[in-house]
PDB file of N, CA and C in Angstrom:
ATOM      1  N   MET A   1      80.016  95.473  85.377  1.00  0.00           N
ATOM      2  CA  MET A   1      80.827  94.393  85.722  1.00  0.00           C
ATOM      3  C   MET A   1      82.400  94.922  84.882  1.00  0.00           C
ATOM      4  N   ASP A   2      83.258  94.431  85.568  1.00  0.00           N
ATOM      5  CA  ASP A   2      84.225  95.163  85.114  1.00  0.00           C
ATOM      6  C   ASP A   2      85.459  92.996  84.411  1.00  0.00           C
ATOM      7  N   TYR A   3      84.350  93.359  83.017  1.00  0.00           N
ATOM      8  CA  TYR A   3      84.987  91.513  82.773  1.00  0.00           C
ATOM      9  C   TYR A   3      86.570  91.772  82.068  1.00  0.00           C
ATOM     10  N   ALA A   4      87.411  92.878  82.192  1.00  0.00           N
ATOM     11  CA  ALA A   4      88.617  92.283  82.138  1.00  0.00           C
ATOM     12  C   ALA A   4      89.438  92.959  83.242  1.00  0.00           C
ATOM     13  N   SER A   5      88.726  93.404  84.246  1.00  0.00           N
ATOM     14  CA  SER A   5      89.522  92.850  85.137  1.00  0.00           C
ATOM     15  C   SER A   5      89.822  91.470  85.859  1.00  0.00           C
ATOM     16  N   MET A   6      88.306  91.313  85.957  1.00  0.00           N
ATOM     17  CA  MET A   6      88.006  89.613  86.732  1.00  0.00           C
ATOM     18  C   MET A   6      88.806  88.590  85.771  1.00  0.00           C
ATOM     19  N   GLY A   7      88.629  89.304  84.551  1.00  0.00           N
ATOM     20  CA  GLY A   7      89.882  88.148  83.315  1.00  0.00           C
ATOM     21  C   GLY A   7      91.136  87.821  84.054  1.00  0.00           C
ATOM     22  N   PHE A   8      91.889  89.375  84.212  1.00  0.00           N
ATOM     23  CA  PHE A   8      93.318  89.075  85.068  1.00  0.00           C
ATOM     24  C   PHE A   8      93.633  88.086  85.705  1.00  0.00           C
ATOM     25  N   ILE A   9      92.404  89.164  86.842  1.00  0.00           N
ATOM     26  CA  ILE A   9      92.758  88.335  88.669  1.00  0.00           C
ATOM     27  C   ILE A   9      92.381  86.182  88.305  1.00  0.00           C
ATOM     28  N   LYS A  10      91.226  86.719  87.170  1.00  0.00           N
ATOM     29  CA  LYS A  10      91.358  84.604  86.878  1.00  0.00           C
ATOM     30  C   LYS A  10      92.140  83.716  86.687  1.00  0.00           C
ATOM     31  N   ALA A  11      93.296  84.597  85.544  1.00  0.00           N
ATOM     32  CA  ALA A  11      94.542  83.652  85.051  1.00  0.00           C
ATOM     33  C   ALA A  11      94.798  83.726  85.909  1.00  0.00           C
ATOM     34  N   GLY A  12      95.618  84.536  86.500  1.00  0.00           N
ATOM     35  CA  GLY A  12      96.745  84.606  87.310  1.00  0.00           C
ATOM     36  C   GLY A  12      96.311  83.709  89.017  1.00  0.00           C
ATOM     37  N   LYS A  13      96.213  81.885  88.910  1.00  0.00           N
ATOM     38  CA  LYS A  13      95.440  81.719  89.959  1.00  0.00           C
ATOM     39  C   LYS A  13      96.047  82.737  91.577  1.00  0.00           C
ATOM     40  N   ASN A  14      97.668  83.362  91.647  1.00  0.00           N
ATOM     41  CA  ASN A  14      98.597  83.517  92.207  1.00  0.00           C
ATOM     42  C   ASN A  14      97.957  84.742  92.841  1.00  0.00           C
ATOM     43  N   ARG A  15      97.598  85.566  91.550  1.00  0.00           N
ATOM     44  CA  ARG A  15      96.700  86.982  91.950  1.00  0.00           C
ATOM     45  C   ARG A  15      95.589  87.035  92.933  1.00  0.00           C
ATOM     46  N   LEU A  16      94.273  86.190  92.553  1.00  0.00           N
ATOM     47  CA  LEU A  16      93.232  85.924  93.591  1.00  0.00           C
ATOM     48  C   LEU A  16      93.972  85.314  94.817  1.00  0.00           C
ATOM     49  N   ARG A  17      94.629  84.880  95.286  1.00  0.00           N
ATOM     50  CA  ARG A  17      94.670  84.377  95.893  1.00  0.00           C
ATOM     51  C   ARG A  17      95.434  85.077  96.874  1.00  0.00           C
ATOM     52  N   ILE A  18      95.985  85.930  97.045  1.00  0.00           N
ATOM     53  CA  ILE A  18      96.992  87.352  96.875  1.00  0.00           C
ATOM     54  C   ILE A  18      96.033  87.894  97.306  1.00  0.00           C
ATOM     55  N   LEU A  19      95.367  88.564  96.870  1.00  0.00           N
ATOM     56  CA  LEU A  19      94.043  89.461  97.361  1.00  0.00           C
ATOM     57  C   LEU A  19      92.998  88.309  98.010  1.00  0.00           C
ATOM     58  N   GLU A  20      92.552  87.248  98.184  1.00  0.00           N
ATOM     59  CA  GLU A  20      91.956  86.969  98.965  1.00  0.00           C
ATOM     60  C   GLU A  20      92.810  86.641 100.874  1.00  0.00           C
ATOM     61  N   MET A  21      93.856  86.854 100.834  1.00  0.00           N
ATOM     62  CA  MET A  21      94.618  87.193 101.464  1.00  0.00           C
ATOM     63  C   MET A  21      94.904  88.735 101.856  1.00  0.00           C
ATOM     64  N   LEU A  22      94.727  89.592 100.987  1.00  0.00           N
ATOM     65  CA  LEU A  22      94.503  90.760 101.621  1.00  0.00           C
ATOM     66  C   LEU A  22      93.551  91.294 102.535  1.00  0.00           C
ATOM     67  N   SER A  23      92.657  90.749 101.367  1.00  0.00           N
ATOM     68  CA  SER A  23      91.720  90.648 102.108  1.00  0.00           C
ATOM     69  C   SER A  23      90.760  90.837 103.446  1.00  0.00           C
ATOM     70  N   ALA A  24      91.465  90.391 104.451  1.00  0.00           N
ATOM     71  CA  ALA A  24      91.457  89.538 105.355  1.00  0.00           C
ATOM     72  C   ALA A  24      91.743  91.160 106.647  1.00  0.00           C
ATOM     73  N   GLY A  25      93.413  91.558 105.714  1.00  0.00           N
ATOM     74  CA  GLY A  25      93.791  92.985 106.423  1.00  0.00           C
ATOM     75  C   GLY A  25      95.320  92.850 105.943  1.00  0.00           C
ATOM     76  N   PHE A  26      96.338  93.943 105.889  1.00  0.00           N
ATOM     77  CA  PHE A  26      97.571  94.144 106.099  1.00  0.00           C
ATOM     78  C   PHE A  26      99.242  92.735 105.725  1.00  0.00           C
ATOM     79  N   ALA A  27      99.096  92.715 105.086  1.00  0.00           N
ATOM     80  CA  ALA A  27     100.083  91.258 105.017  1.00  0.00           C
ATOM     81  C   ALA A  27     101.384  91.767 104.509  1.00  0.00           C
ATOM     82  N   THR A  28     102.810  91.098 104.736  1.00  0.00           N
ATOM     83  CA  THR A  28     104.280  91.293 104.819  1.00  0.00           C
ATOM     84  C   THR A  28     104.294  91.005 103.086  1.00  0.00           C
ATOM     85  N   GLN A  29     104.761  90.823 102.553  1.00  0.00           N
ATOM     86  CA  GLN A  29     105.495  90.291 101.116  1.00  0.00           C
ATOM     87  C   GLN A  29     106.199  88.848 101.563  1.00  0.00           C
ATOM     88  N   ALA A  30     106.349  88.788 103.312  1.00  0.00           N
ATOM     89  CA  ALA A  30     107.333  87.168 103.680  1.00  0.00           C
ATOM     90  C   ALA A  30     105.818  86.907 104.430  1.00  0.00           C
ATOM     91  N   GLU A  31     105.734  87.483 105.047  1.00  0.00           N
ATOM     92  CA  GLU A  31     103.660  86.753 105.371  1.00  0.00           C
ATOM     93  C   GLU A  31     102.738  86.239 104.584  1.00  0.00           C
ATOM     94  N   ILE A  32     102.756  86.556 103.171  1.00  0.00           N
ATOM     95  CA  ILE A  32     102.090  85.832 101.790  1.00  0.00           C
ATOM     96  C   ILE A  32     102.668  84.699 101.526  1.00  0.00           C
ATOM     97  N   SER A  33     104.299  85.528 101.601  1.00  0.00           N
ATOM     98  CA  SER A  33     104.640  83.732 101.224  1.00  0.00           C
ATOM     99  C   SER A  33     104.172  82.612 101.573  1.00  0.00           C
ATOM    100  N   HIS A  34     105.168  82.540 103.320  1.00  0.00           N
ATOM    101  CA  HIS A  34     104.612  81.977 104.322  1.00  0.00           C
ATOM    102  C   HIS A  34     103.332  81.138 104.078  1.00  0.00           C
ATOM    103  N   ARG A  35     102.565  81.923 104.158  1.00  0.00           N
ATOM    104  CA  ARG A  35     100.596  81.581 104.272  1.00  0.00           C
ATOM    105  C   ARG A  35     100.467  80.792 103.203  1.00  0.00           C
ATOM    106  N   LEU A  36     101.482  81.347 102.243  1.00  0.00           N
ATOM    107  CA  LEU A  36     100.385  80.815 100.791  1.00  0.00           C
ATOM    108  C   LEU A  36     101.331  79.619  99.904  1.00  0.00           C
ATOM    109  N   ARG A  37     102.668  79.676 101.104  1.00  0.00           N
ATOM    110  CA  ARG A  37     103.050  78.408  99.943  1.00  0.00           C
ATOM    111  C   ARG A  37     103.802  79.114  99.201  1.00  0.00           C
ATOM    112  N   MET A  38     104.447  79.748  99.112  1.00  0.00           N
ATOM    113  CA  MET A  38     104.339  80.346  97.629  1.00  0.00           C
ATOM    114  C   MET A  38     106.026  81.048  97.645  1.00  0.00           C
ATOM    115  N   PRO A  39     106.675  80.658  96.234  1.00  0.00           N
ATOM    116  CA  PRO A  39     108.643  81.375  96.939  1.00  0.00           C
ATOM    117  C   PRO A  39     107.775  83.400  96.469  1.00  0.00           C
ATOM    118  N   GLU A  40     109.034  84.022  96.726  1.00  0.00           N
ATOM    119  CA  GLU A  40     108.870  85.262  97.004  1.00  0.00           C
ATOM    120  C   GLU A  40     108.679  86.154  95.723  1.00  0.00           C
ATOM    121  N   GLN A  41     109.466  84.801  94.803  1.00  0.00           N
ATOM    122  CA  GLN A  41     110.118  85.821  93.309  1.00  0.00           C
ATOM    123  C   GLN A  41     107.690  85.501  93.398  1.00  0.00           C
ATOM    124  N   LEU A  42     107.337  84.443  93.028  1.00  0.00           N
ATOM    125  CA  LEU A  42     106.253  84.795  92.789  1.00  0.00           C
ATOM    126  C   LEU A  42     105.695  85.331  93.516  1.00  0.00           C
ATOM    127  N   VAL A  43     105.508  86.305  94.551  1.00  0.00           N
ATOM    128  CA  VAL A  43     104.821  87.069  95.730  1.00  0.00           C
ATOM    129  C   VAL A  43     104.762  88.114  94.965  1.00  0.00           C
ATOM    130  N   SER A  44     106.400  88.486  95.005  1.00  0.00           N
ATOM    131  CA  SER A  44     106.823  90.056  94.639  1.00  0.00           C
ATOM    132  C   SER A  44     106.057  90.585  92.699  1.00  0.00           C
ATOM    133  N   LYS A  45     105.860  89.435  91.747  1.00  0.00           N
ATOM    134  CA  LYS A  45     105.710  89.461  90.862  1.00  0.00           C
ATOM    135  C   LYS A  45     104.498  89.192  90.633  1.00  0.00           C
ATOM    136  N   ALA A  46     103.222  88.651  91.907  1.00  0.00           N
ATOM    137  CA  ALA A  46     102.132  88.544  91.613  1.00  0.00           C
ATOM    138  C   ALA A  46     101.802  90.798  92.087  1.00  0.00           C
ATOM    139  N   LEU A  47     102.919  90.667  93.102  1.00  0.00           N
ATOM    140  CA  LEU A  47     101.650  92.039  93.802  1.00  0.00           C
ATOM    141  C   LEU A  47     102.237  93.465  92.872  1.00  0.00           C
ATOM    142  N   LYS A  48     102.942  93.205  92.630  1.00  0.00           N
ATOM    143  CA  LYS A  48     103.653  94.495  91.105  1.00  0.00           C
ATOM    144  C   LYS A  48     102.453  94.410  90.289  1.00  0.00           C
ATOM    145  N   GLU A  49     101.767  93.470  90.032  1.00  0.00           N
ATOM    146  CA  GLU A  49     101.118  93.112  88.944  1.00  0.00           C
ATOM    147  C   GLU A  49      99.449  93.795  89.626  1.00  0.00           C
ATOM    148  N   LEU A  50      99.696  93.179  90.371  1.00  0.00           N
ATOM    149  CA  LEU A  50      98.244  94.238  91.487  1.00  0.00           C
ATOM    150  C   LEU A  50      98.334  95.336  91.822  1.00  0.00           C
ATOM    151  N   GLU A  51      99.851  96.001  92.200  1.00  0.00           N
ATOM    152  CA  GLU A  51      99.698  97.705  92.286  1.00  0.00           C
ATOM    153  C   GLU A  51      99.778  98.195  90.568  1.00  0.00           C
ATOM    154  N   ASP A  52     100.078  97.495  90.031  1.00  0.00           N
ATOM    155  CA  ASP A  52      99.654  98.468  89.147  1.00  0.00           C
ATOM    156  C   ASP A  52      98.318  97.921  88.468  1.00  0.00           C
ATOM    157  N   ARG A  53      97.481  97.792  88.408  1.00  0.00           N
ATOM    158  CA  ARG A  53      96.388  97.614  88.086  1.00  0.00           C
ATOM    159  C   ARG A  53      95.795  98.327  89.394  1.00  0.00           C
ATOM    160  N   GLU A  54      96.319  98.847  90.214  1.00  0.00           N
ATOM    161  CA  GLU A  54      95.329  99.781  91.578  1.00  0.00           C
ATOM    162  C   GLU A  54      94.552  98.358  92.278  1.00  0.00           C
ATOM    163  N   PHE A  55      95.127  97.308  92.639  1.00  0.00           N
ATOM    164  CA  PHE A  55      94.361  95.997  93.214  1.00  0.00           C
ATOM    165  C   PHE A  55      94.843  96.240  94.571  1.00  0.00           C
ATOM    166  N   ALA A  56      96.345  96.958  94.643  1.00  0.00           N
ATOM    167  CA  ALA A  56      96.480  96.376  95.764  1.00  0.00           C
ATOM    168  C   ALA A  56      97.808  97.492  96.472  1.00  0.00           C
ATOM    169  N   LYS A  57      97.661  98.437  97.226  1.00  0.00           N
ATOM    170  CA  LYS A  57      98.949  99.084  97.789  1.00  0.00           C
ATOM    171  C   LYS A  57      99.670  98.752  98.625  1.00  0.00           C
ATOM    172  N   ALA A  58     101.266  99.218  98.884  1.00  0.00           N
ATOM    173  CA  ALA A  58     102.213  99.097  99.637  1.00  0.00           C
ATOM    174  C   ALA A  58     102.154  99.482 100.087  1.00  0.00           C
ATOM    175  N   ALA A  59     102.093  99.656 101.784  1.00  0.00           N
ATOM    176  CA  ALA A  59     101.821 100.351 103.162  1.00  0.00           C
ATOM    177  C   ALA A  59     102.852  99.822 103.664  1.00  0.00           C
ATOM    178  N   ALA A  60     102.768 100.811 105.016  1.00  0.00           N
ATOM    179  CA  ALA A  60     103.793 100.043 106.216  1.00  0.00           C
ATOM    180  C   ALA A  60     102.789 100.370 107.796  1.00  0.00           C
ATOM    181  N   GLN A  61     102.811  99.262 108.442  1.00  0.00           N
ATOM    182  CA  GLN A  61     102.377  99.496 109.596  1.00  0.00           C
ATOM    183  C   GLN A  61     102.908  98.794 110.432  1.00  0.00           C
ATOM    184  N   LYS A  62     103.443  99.469 112.042  1.00  0.00           N
ATOM    185  CA  LYS A  62     104.086  99.019 112.849  1.00  0.00           C
ATOM    186  C   LYS A  62     105.659  99.310 112.244  1.00  0.00           C
ATOM    187  N   ASN A  63     106.203  99.626 111.496  1.00  0.00           N
ATOM    188  CA  ASN A  63     107.242 100.026 110.976  1.00  0.00           C
ATOM    189  C   ASN A  63     107.737  98.253 109.800  1.00  0.00           C
ATOM    190  N   GLN A  64     106.700  97.932 109.476  1.00  0.00           N
ATOM    191  CA  GLN A  64     106.565  96.410 108.722  1.00  0.00           C
ATOM    192  C   GLN A  64     106.441  97.085 107.452  1.00  0.00           C
ATOM    193  N   LYS A  65     106.677  96.646 106.246  1.00  0.00           N
ATOM    194  CA  LYS A  65     106.418  97.679 105.175  1.00  0.00           C
ATOM    195  C   LYS A  65     105.678  96.353 104.906  1.00  0.00           C
ATOM    196  N   GLY A  66     104.641  96.250 104.202  1.00  0.00           N
ATOM    197  CA  GLY A  66     103.542  95.125 103.350  1.00  0.00           C
ATOM    198  C   GLY A  66     102.711  95.948 102.823  1.00  0.00           C
ATOM    199  N   TYR A  67     101.415  95.219 102.905  1.00  0.00           N
ATOM    200  CA  TYR A  67     100.710  95.360 101.465  1.00  0.00           C
ATOM    201  C   TYR A  67      98.901  95.337 101.978  1.00  0.00           C
ATOM    202  N   THR A  68      98.466  96.288 101.094  1.00  0.00           N
ATOM    203  CA  THR A  68      96.824  96.117 102.084  1.00  0.00           C
ATOM    204  C   THR A  68      96.085  96.171  99.951  1.00  0.00           C
ATOM    205  N   ILE A  69      94.961  96.005 100.214  1.00  0.00           N
ATOM    206  CA  ILE A  69      94.170  95.630  99.350  1.00  0.00           C
ATOM    207  C   ILE A  69      92.934  96.803  98.861  1.00  0.00           C
ATOM    208  N   THR A  70      93.197  97.216  97.662  1.00  0.00           N
ATOM    209  CA  THR A  70      92.590  98.787  97.684  1.00  0.00           C
ATOM    210  C   THR A  70      90.199  98.388  97.846  1.00  0.00           C
ATOM    211  N   GLU A  71      89.792  99.562  97.653  1.00  0.00           N
ATOM    212  CA  GLU A  71      88.380  99.275  97.436  1.00  0.00           C
ATOM    213  C   GLU A  71      88.729  99.104  96.267  1.00  0.00           C
ATOM    214  N   LYS A  72      88.994  99.689  95.295  1.00  0.00           N
ATOM    215  CA  LYS A  72      89.118  98.306  93.865  1.00  0.00           C
ATOM    216  C   LYS A  72      89.491  96.973  93.846  1.00  0.00           C
ATOM    217  N   GLY A  73      90.394  96.990  94.035  1.00  0.00           N
ATOM    218  CA  GLY A  73      90.962  94.581  94.663  1.00  0.00           C
ATOM    219  C   GLY A  73      89.861  94.563  95.250  1.00  0.00           C
ATOM    220  N   LEU A  74      89.271  94.854  96.502  1.00  0.00           N
ATOM    221  CA  LEU A  74      88.110  94.082  97.080  1.00  0.00           C
ATOM    222  C   LEU A  74      87.075  94.639  95.904  1.00  0.00           C
ATOM    223  N   LYS A  75      86.661  95.490  95.283  1.00  0.00           N
ATOM    224  CA  LYS A  75      85.701  95.083  94.433  1.00  0.00           C
ATOM    225  C   LYS A  75      85.510  94.207  93.633  1.00  0.00           C
ATOM    226  N   ILE A  76      86.664  93.878  92.614  1.00  0.00           N
ATOM    227  CA  ILE A  76      86.723  92.782  91.740  1.00  0.00           C
ATOM    228  C   ILE A  76      87.441  92.013  92.755  1.00  0.00           C
ATOM    229  N   PHE A  77      87.307  91.025  93.962  1.00  0.00           N
ATOM    230  CA  PHE A  77      87.820  90.476  94.668  1.00  0.00           C
ATOM    231  C   PHE A  77      86.368  89.456  94.650  1.00  0.00           C
ATOM    232  N   ARG A  78      85.301  90.668  95.127  1.00  0.00           N
ATOM    233  CA  ARG A  78      84.502  90.568  95.642  1.00  0.00           C
ATOM    234  C   ARG A  78      83.769  89.324  93.879  1.00  0.00           C
ATOM    235  N   GLN A  79      83.914  90.508  93.291  1.00  0.00           N
ATOM    236  CA  GLN A  79      82.970  89.884  91.608  1.00  0.00           C
ATOM    237  C   GLN A  79      83.408  88.216  91.370  1.00  0.00           C
ATOM    238  N   VAL A  80      84.732  88.816  91.165  1.00  0.00           N
ATOM    239  CA  VAL A  80      85.450  87.224  90.976  1.00  0.00           C
ATOM    240  C   VAL A  80      84.855  85.909  91.935  1.00  0.00           C
ATOM    241  N   THR A  81      84.794  86.372  93.139  1.00  0.00           N
ATOM    242  CA  THR A  81      83.915  84.559  93.900  1.00  0.00           C
ATOM    243  C   THR A  81      83.105  85.344  94.819  1.00  0.00           C
ATOM    244  N   GLN A  82      81.833  85.860  93.627  1.00  0.00           N
ATOM    245  CA  GLN A  82      80.688  85.765  94.443  1.00  0.00           C
ATOM    246  C   GLN A  82      80.030  85.039  93.681  1.00  0.00           C
ATOM    247  N   LYS A  83      79.192  83.993  94.012  1.00  0.00           N
ATOM    248  CA  LYS A  83      78.220  82.539  94.036  1.00  0.00           C
ATOM    249  C   LYS A  83      77.080  82.459  92.648  1.00  0.00           C
ATOM    250  N   GLY A  84      76.809  81.994  91.897  1.00  0.00           N
ATOM    251  CA  GLY A  84      76.031  82.164  91.406  1.00  0.00           C
ATOM    252  C   GLY A  84      75.962  83.248  90.183  1.00  0.00           C
TER     253      GLY A  84
END
């Protein structure tokens, strides 16, 4: 288990919420902001942090720029959210 990465995700509740949303699939920054009721500035900052750690990556879908979760991001998300 990667405890440093788990701590990084747990320390920023916005990062965890964004990873949760991205675990369901592609989303634009505006969609994340709207669904999570977060200012776009906070979403942008959290996405940058997640990208820097390779937990999320920029992607394009149907001519829209957005984000997806990486395998590394999905793995750490599952570790952070597993029960017991």
